[in-house]
Amino acid sequence: MSLPPPAAQEILRRRLENVLAKLEKKYGDLRGKIELTMTPETSLKEIGGLAGAKREIEGLIFALKSPDLHIRWGTKPPKGVLLYGPPGTGKTLLSKALARESGAVFFHLKLINVVSKWRGESGELFHEVFTAVKENGRTILFLDELDALSIERLFLPEEARAGGGRLVNTIAENLEDLGDTGQLMVVASTNRIDAIDPALIRPGRIDRFIEAGLPEAEEKAEIFRIHQAKAEARAGRKLFLELQYDLIVARMVKLSGADIAEVLQRALEEKVRLEGSGQQTGLVSTEDIQKVIENYRRTKEVIEKIRYGQYL
């Protein structure tokens, strides 16, 4: 990872904080809508599975850190990338790892919140954000839930839909205007590839696609081990018995990386409950994990029905 010297990083941090302050003065509270991280904590080593996606991210790291390599080989660094796949598969983690490993600032726009809050002013806000990040060195501009731009337009009257179209055009024009310096990369994510506006998916705009799919069996075990190690590092002690990962993974059908992390969390929370109520409890066992998985799968079915409108 290559970061600017501390003094230069501090100047950059203050400059970006001033950018956010100016935006907040004009648009109001940005919490939960626009977030800035100088150095994300997530690294590629901390992301389980997704071997193909991580290989592509490694290539993008060189595009940001060493754009001269692209010139040497007669090509241009990509500037618009779409990460797509089911919820919880690691799209945000991949984008943060890209920023960390390339030494880039991570500018996170949560589009569903931005568009719903400032529907009429979103185009102007996006233009100001693009202008700001283009002036501040190596940056990842993360457009979270890119499909929000289209979903908003589906249920609005004709005039509002026209406004949504102007918003998409604003983003498309700013994507084309990024130039080929390799200092700024726009990374977008979506759970609904079918809902992306086609105007955004063109050469010179968003033209690199990386799939973040559900993990295979061996990847699920890897993800579980990563979160297991993190929990034991936080606790400073052993928390698990010797686990039979093949039995655990066999019950994790259609679970994402985020689901696996949640299963482990709930297994540990059950130990907290037992110890807090004065009961005897041992380390987490394979059987403990299996029970949590069965309960979690029932909860996940409810979540999926809500997510896809089956309870409406």
Protein backbone atom coordinates (compact mmCIF):
# COMPACT_ATOMS: atom_id res chain seq x y z
CA MET A 1 0.00 0.00 0.00
CA SER A 2 1.35 3.43 -0.96
CA LEU A 3 0.20 6.43 1.05
CA PRO A 4 1.24 10.08 0.78
CA PRO A 5 3.64 11.42 3.45
CA PRO A 6 1.92 12.28 6.77
CA ALA A 7 2.07 16.04 6.18
CA ALA A 8 0.57 15.74 2.69
CA GLN A 9 -2.07 13.32 3.96
CA GLU A 10 -3.07 15.77 6.69
CA ILE A 11 -3.41 18.59 4.13
CA LEU A 12 -5.54 16.33 1.95
CA ARG A 13 -7.69 15.30 4.91
CA ARG A 14 -8.39 18.93 5.83
CA ARG A 15 -9.16 19.81 2.22
CA LEU A 16 -11.67 16.98 1.91
CA GLU A 17 -13.27 17.83 5.24
CA ASN A 18 -13.72 21.37 3.93
CA VAL A 19 -15.39 19.92 0.84
CA LEU A 20 -17.86 17.98 3.02
CA ALA A 21 -18.45 21.04 5.21
CA LYS A 22 -19.35 23.14 2.15
CA LEU A 23 -21.70 20.46 0.87
CA GLU A 24 -23.39 20.19 4.28
CA LYS A 25 -23.81 23.96 4.44
CA LYS A 26 -25.68 23.83 1.14
CA TYR A 27 -27.54 20.50 1.38
CA GLY A 28 -27.81 19.81 5.11
CA ASP A 29 -26.80 16.77 7.12
CA LEU A 30 -24.90 14.23 4.99
CA ARG A 31 -24.65 11.45 7.57
CA GLY A 32 -25.71 8.12 6.09
CA LYS A 33 -25.54 9.63 2.61
CA ILE A 34 -21.96 10.70 1.89
CA GLU A 35 -19.02 9.36 3.88
CA LEU A 36 -15.29 9.99 3.59
CA THR A 37 -12.56 7.58 4.70
CA MET A 38 -8.91 8.49 4.26
CA THR A 39 -7.63 4.93 4.70
CA PRO A 40 -10.22 2.11 4.81
CA GLU A 41 -9.33 -0.73 7.16
CA THR A 42 -10.32 -3.59 4.85
CA SER A 43 -7.57 -5.35 2.91
CA LEU A 44 -7.87 -8.05 0.25
CA LYS A 45 -6.43 -10.61 2.68
CA GLU A 46 -9.40 -10.07 4.97
CA ILE A 47 -11.93 -10.96 2.27
CA GLY A 48 -12.70 -14.66 1.99
CA GLY A 49 -13.52 -16.31 -1.32
CA LEU A 50 -14.13 -14.17 -4.42
CA ALA A 51 -10.86 -15.28 -6.01
CA GLY A 52 -11.81 -14.04 -9.47
CA ALA A 53 -13.11 -10.70 -8.21
CA LYS A 54 -10.01 -10.15 -6.07
CA ARG A 55 -7.76 -10.87 -9.05
CA GLU A 56 -9.60 -8.17 -11.01
CA ILE A 57 -9.28 -5.76 -8.07
CA GLU A 58 -5.52 -6.39 -8.00
CA GLY A 59 -5.39 -5.22 -11.61
CA LEU A 60 -7.33 -2.07 -10.70
CA ILE A 61 -4.88 -1.38 -7.87
CA PHE A 62 -2.08 -1.09 -10.44
CA ALA A 63 -4.30 1.13 -12.59
CA LEU A 64 -4.47 3.60 -9.68
CA LYS A 65 -0.96 3.22 -8.28
CA SER A 66 0.95 2.87 -11.54
CA PRO A 67 -1.09 4.29 -14.46
CA ASP A 68 2.21 4.60 -16.38
CA LEU A 69 2.14 0.81 -16.76
CA HIS A 70 -0.96 1.19 -18.92
CA ILE A 71 0.84 3.73 -21.08
CA ARG A 72 3.79 1.36 -21.35
CA TRP A 73 1.47 -1.33 -22.70
CA GLY A 74 -0.51 0.97 -24.97
CA THR A 75 -3.78 0.98 -23.05
CA LYS A 76 -5.75 3.26 -20.71
CA PRO A 77 -6.60 2.74 -17.04
CA PRO A 78 -10.29 1.90 -16.52
CA LYS A 79 -12.24 4.68 -14.84
CA GLY A 80 -15.71 3.17 -14.36
CA VAL A 81 -16.27 -0.21 -12.66
CA LEU A 82 -19.46 -2.04 -11.66
CA LEU A 83 -19.44 -4.66 -8.89
CA TYR A 84 -22.56 -6.80 -9.10
CA GLY A 85 -24.00 -9.75 -7.21
CA PRO A 86 -26.47 -10.73 -4.47
CA PRO A 87 -26.65 -8.78 -1.19
CA GLY A 88 -23.88 -9.49 1.30
CA THR A 89 -21.33 -10.94 -1.12
CA GLY A 90 -18.60 -8.38 -0.44
CA LYS A 91 -19.02 -5.61 -3.01
CA THR A 92 -18.43 -2.80 -0.52
CA LEU A 93 -15.52 -4.70 1.04
CA LEU A 94 -13.89 -5.09 -2.38
CA SER A 95 -14.22 -1.37 -3.09
CA LYS A 96 -12.73 -0.48 0.31
CA ALA A 97 -9.87 -2.93 -0.22
CA LEU A 98 -9.19 -1.33 -3.60
CA ALA A 99 -8.92 2.07 -1.93
CA ARG A 100 -6.70 0.80 0.87
CA GLU A 101 -4.32 -1.22 -1.30
CA SER A 102 -3.93 1.60 -3.82
CA GLY A 103 -3.56 4.35 -1.20
CA ALA A 104 -6.70 6.13 -2.41
CA VAL A 105 -9.23 8.18 -0.48
CA PHE A 106 -12.60 6.41 -0.24
CA PHE A 107 -15.57 8.68 -1.02
CA HIS A 108 -18.78 6.73 -0.40
CA LEU A 109 -22.11 7.90 -1.85
CA LYS A 110 -25.13 5.90 -0.64
CA LEU A 111 -27.30 6.60 -3.65
CA ILE A 112 -30.63 5.34 -2.32
CA ASN A 113 -30.38 7.87 0.54
CA VAL A 114 -28.98 10.69 -1.58
CA VAL A 115 -31.59 10.41 -4.34
CA SER A 116 -34.54 10.07 -1.97
CA LYS A 117 -33.37 13.04 0.14
CA TRP A 118 -32.47 15.48 -2.63
CA ARG A 119 -34.44 14.19 -5.61
CA GLY A 120 -34.69 17.59 -7.27
CA GLU A 121 -31.16 18.69 -6.41
CA SER A 122 -29.33 15.39 -6.81
CA GLY A 123 -27.87 16.28 -10.21
CA GLU A 124 -26.27 19.44 -8.86
CA LEU A 125 -25.00 17.59 -5.79
CA PHE A 126 -23.43 14.84 -7.90
CA HIS A 127 -21.76 17.41 -10.15
CA GLU A 128 -20.26 19.15 -7.12
CA VAL A 129 -19.01 15.85 -5.71
CA PHE A 130 -17.37 14.88 -9.01
CA THR A 131 -15.74 18.32 -9.24
CA ALA A 132 -14.43 18.05 -5.68
CA VAL A 133 -12.93 14.57 -5.98
CA LYS A 134 -11.23 15.35 -9.29
CA GLU A 135 -9.16 17.98 -7.48
CA ASN A 136 -7.98 15.83 -4.59
CA GLY A 137 -5.55 13.22 -5.88
CA ARG A 138 -6.02 9.47 -5.90
CA THR A 139 -9.65 8.74 -5.04
CA ILE A 140 -12.25 6.00 -5.24
CA LEU A 141 -15.73 7.44 -5.73
CA PHE A 142 -18.03 4.61 -4.64
CA LEU A 143 -21.60 4.82 -5.97
CA ASP A 144 -23.41 2.38 -3.70
CA GLU A 145 -26.65 0.84 -5.07
CA LEU A 146 -26.41 2.27 -8.57
CA ASP A 147 -29.82 0.78 -9.39
CA ALA A 148 -31.37 3.43 -7.10
CA LEU A 149 -31.09 5.89 -9.97
CA SER A 150 -33.46 3.76 -12.03
CA ILE A 151 -35.73 2.46 -9.27
CA GLU A 152 -36.60 6.02 -8.29
CA ARG A 153 -37.79 6.66 -11.83
CA LEU A 154 -40.10 3.66 -12.03
CA PHE A 155 -42.75 4.89 -9.60
CA LEU A 156 -42.76 8.63 -10.25
CA PRO A 157 -44.95 10.86 -12.44
CA GLU A 158 -43.67 11.80 -15.89
CA GLU A 159 -42.11 15.11 -14.80
CA ALA A 160 -40.19 13.43 -11.98
CA ARG A 161 -39.06 10.64 -14.29
CA ALA A 162 -37.66 13.28 -16.62
CA GLY A 163 -35.74 14.68 -13.66
CA GLY A 164 -34.37 11.20 -12.97
CA GLY A 165 -33.24 11.01 -16.59
CA ARG A 166 -31.38 14.31 -16.18
CA LEU A 167 -29.69 12.91 -13.09
CA VAL A 168 -28.45 9.87 -15.00
CA ASN A 169 -27.20 12.16 -17.77
CA THR A 170 -25.33 14.28 -15.23
CA ILE A 171 -23.52 11.22 -13.89
CA ALA A 172 -22.82 9.91 -17.41
CA GLU A 173 -21.35 13.25 -18.49
CA ASN A 174 -19.15 13.46 -15.41
CA LEU A 175 -17.92 9.91 -16.01
CA GLU A 176 -16.86 10.83 -19.53
CA ASP A 177 -15.15 13.97 -18.23
CA LEU A 178 -12.89 12.15 -15.77
CA GLY A 179 -9.96 11.99 -18.18
CA ASP A 180 -7.34 9.24 -18.32
CA THR A 181 -5.01 10.26 -15.49
CA GLY A 182 -5.75 7.12 -13.45
CA GLN A 183 -6.07 9.24 -10.28
CA LEU A 184 -9.83 8.92 -9.95
CA MET A 185 -11.85 5.76 -10.37
CA VAL A 186 -15.63 5.46 -10.05
CA VAL A 187 -16.71 2.13 -8.57
CA ALA A 188 -20.43 1.36 -8.47
CA SER A 189 -22.28 -1.56 -6.91
CA THR A 190 -25.66 -3.19 -7.43
CA ASN A 191 -27.71 -6.17 -6.32
CA ARG A 192 -29.93 -5.70 -9.38
CA ILE A 193 -27.97 -5.70 -12.61
CA ASP A 194 -31.25 -5.66 -14.54
CA ALA A 195 -32.19 -2.27 -13.07
CA ILE A 196 -29.10 -0.33 -14.18
CA ASP A 197 -29.80 2.48 -16.64
CA PRO A 198 -28.22 1.50 -20.00
CA ALA A 199 -26.97 5.08 -20.46
CA LEU A 200 -24.41 4.46 -17.72
CA ILE A 201 -23.09 1.22 -19.20
CA ARG A 202 -21.09 2.39 -22.19
CA PRO A 203 -17.42 2.66 -23.18
CA GLY A 204 -15.90 5.65 -21.45
CA ARG A 205 -18.44 5.49 -18.64
CA ILE A 206 -18.91 2.32 -16.60
CA ASP A 207 -17.37 -0.36 -18.79
CA ARG A 208 -15.63 -2.82 -16.44
CA PHE A 209 -17.82 -5.44 -14.75
CA ILE A 210 -16.80 -7.60 -11.79
CA GLU A 211 -19.09 -10.27 -10.35
CA ALA A 212 -19.23 -10.87 -6.61
CA GLY A 213 -21.19 -14.10 -6.41
CA LEU A 214 -22.26 -16.36 -3.57
CA PRO A 215 -19.34 -18.35 -2.17
CA GLU A 216 -18.63 -21.98 -3.01
CA ALA A 217 -18.22 -24.58 -0.24
CA GLU A 218 -14.47 -24.11 0.25
CA GLU A 219 -14.91 -20.33 0.14
CA LYS A 220 -17.55 -20.50 2.88
CA ALA A 221 -15.11 -22.34 5.13
CA GLU A 222 -12.44 -19.72 4.36
CA ILE A 223 -14.84 -16.87 5.19
CA PHE A 224 -15.85 -18.56 8.44
CA ARG A 225 -12.20 -19.02 9.46
CA ILE A 226 -11.44 -15.35 8.79
CA HIS A 227 -14.28 -14.17 11.03
CA GLN A 228 -13.44 -16.80 13.62
CA ALA A 229 -9.85 -15.54 13.79
CA LYS A 230 -11.03 -11.93 14.10
CA ALA A 231 -13.34 -12.80 17.00
CA GLU A 232 -10.61 -14.67 18.87
CA ALA A 233 -8.18 -11.79 18.24
CA ARG A 234 -10.67 -9.34 19.77
CA ALA A 235 -11.26 -11.62 22.75
CA GLY A 236 -7.58 -12.45 23.19
CA ARG A 237 -8.41 -16.09 23.78
CA LYS A 238 -9.71 -19.26 22.14
CA LEU A 239 -13.47 -19.17 21.63
CA PHE A 240 -14.13 -22.26 19.51
CA LEU A 241 -13.63 -25.98 19.84
CA GLU A 242 -12.14 -27.84 16.88
CA LEU A 243 -14.87 -27.32 14.31
CA GLN A 244 -16.02 -29.71 11.60
CA TYR A 245 -16.22 -27.23 8.74
CA ASP A 246 -17.61 -29.78 6.29
CA LEU A 247 -20.69 -30.27 8.50
CA ILE A 248 -21.09 -26.51 8.99
CA VAL A 249 -20.71 -25.65 5.32
CA ALA A 250 -23.17 -28.35 4.28
CA ARG A 251 -25.94 -26.37 5.99
CA MET A 252 -24.92 -22.98 4.55
CA VAL A 253 -26.82 -23.33 1.29
CA LYS A 254 -27.29 -19.94 -0.44
CA LEU A 255 -25.63 -18.04 2.41
CA SER A 256 -23.49 -15.04 1.52
CA GLY A 257 -20.29 -13.90 3.21
CA ALA A 258 -22.29 -11.41 5.27
CA ASP A 259 -24.69 -14.20 6.29
CA ILE A 260 -21.77 -16.34 7.45
CA ALA A 261 -20.40 -13.46 9.54
CA GLU A 262 -23.85 -13.01 11.08
CA VAL A 263 -24.11 -16.73 11.92
CA LEU A 264 -20.81 -16.59 13.79
CA GLN A 265 -21.87 -13.40 15.57
CA ARG A 266 -25.11 -14.98 16.73
CA ALA A 267 -23.32 -18.08 17.99
CA LEU A 268 -21.07 -15.89 20.12
CA GLU A 269 -24.02 -13.79 21.33
CA GLU A 270 -25.71 -16.95 22.57
CA LYS A 271 -22.62 -17.64 24.71
CA VAL A 272 -22.85 -14.08 26.04
CA ARG A 273 -26.51 -14.68 26.96
CA LEU A 274 -25.77 -17.94 28.73
CA GLU A 275 -22.82 -16.59 30.70
CA GLY A 276 -24.67 -13.36 31.53
CA SER A 277 -27.57 -15.34 32.99
CA GLY A 278 -25.22 -17.30 35.20
CA GLN A 279 -25.28 -20.55 33.24
CA GLN A 280 -22.30 -22.77 32.55
CA THR A 281 -21.10 -22.56 28.98
CA GLY A 282 -18.20 -24.04 27.07
CA LEU A 283 -16.51 -22.97 23.86
CA VAL A 284 -18.49 -22.74 20.64
CA SER A 285 -18.96 -26.16 19.06
CA THR A 286 -19.96 -27.46 15.64
CA GLU A 287 -23.40 -28.28 17.06
CA ASP A 288 -23.78 -24.72 18.36
CA ILE A 289 -23.06 -23.33 14.90
CA GLN A 290 -25.46 -25.75 13.22
CA LYS A 291 -28.32 -24.73 15.53
CA VAL A 292 -27.68 -21.05 14.79
CA ILE A 293 -27.64 -21.72 11.05
CA GLU A 294 -31.06 -23.39 11.15
CA ASN A 295 -32.57 -20.48 13.09
CA TYR A 296 -30.88 -17.92 10.86
CA ARG A 297 -32.13 -19.57 7.68
CA ARG A 298 -35.72 -19.07 8.83
CA THR A 299 -35.00 -15.41 9.54
CA LYS A 300 -33.34 -15.03 6.16
CA GLU A 301 -36.45 -16.34 4.40
CA VAL A 302 -38.48 -13.53 6.00
CA ILE A 303 -35.84 -10.96 5.01
CA GLU A 304 -35.89 -12.16 1.40
CA LYS A 305 -39.67 -11.94 1.22
CA ILE A 306 -39.56 -8.37 2.52
CA ARG A 307 -36.69 -7.43 0.20
CA TYR A 308 -38.48 -8.64 -2.92
CA GLY A 309 -41.92 -7.39 -1.96
CA GLN A 310 -43.59 -10.73 -1.34
CA TYR A 311 -45.25 -9.36 1.81
CA LEU A 312 -46.70 -6.32 0.04
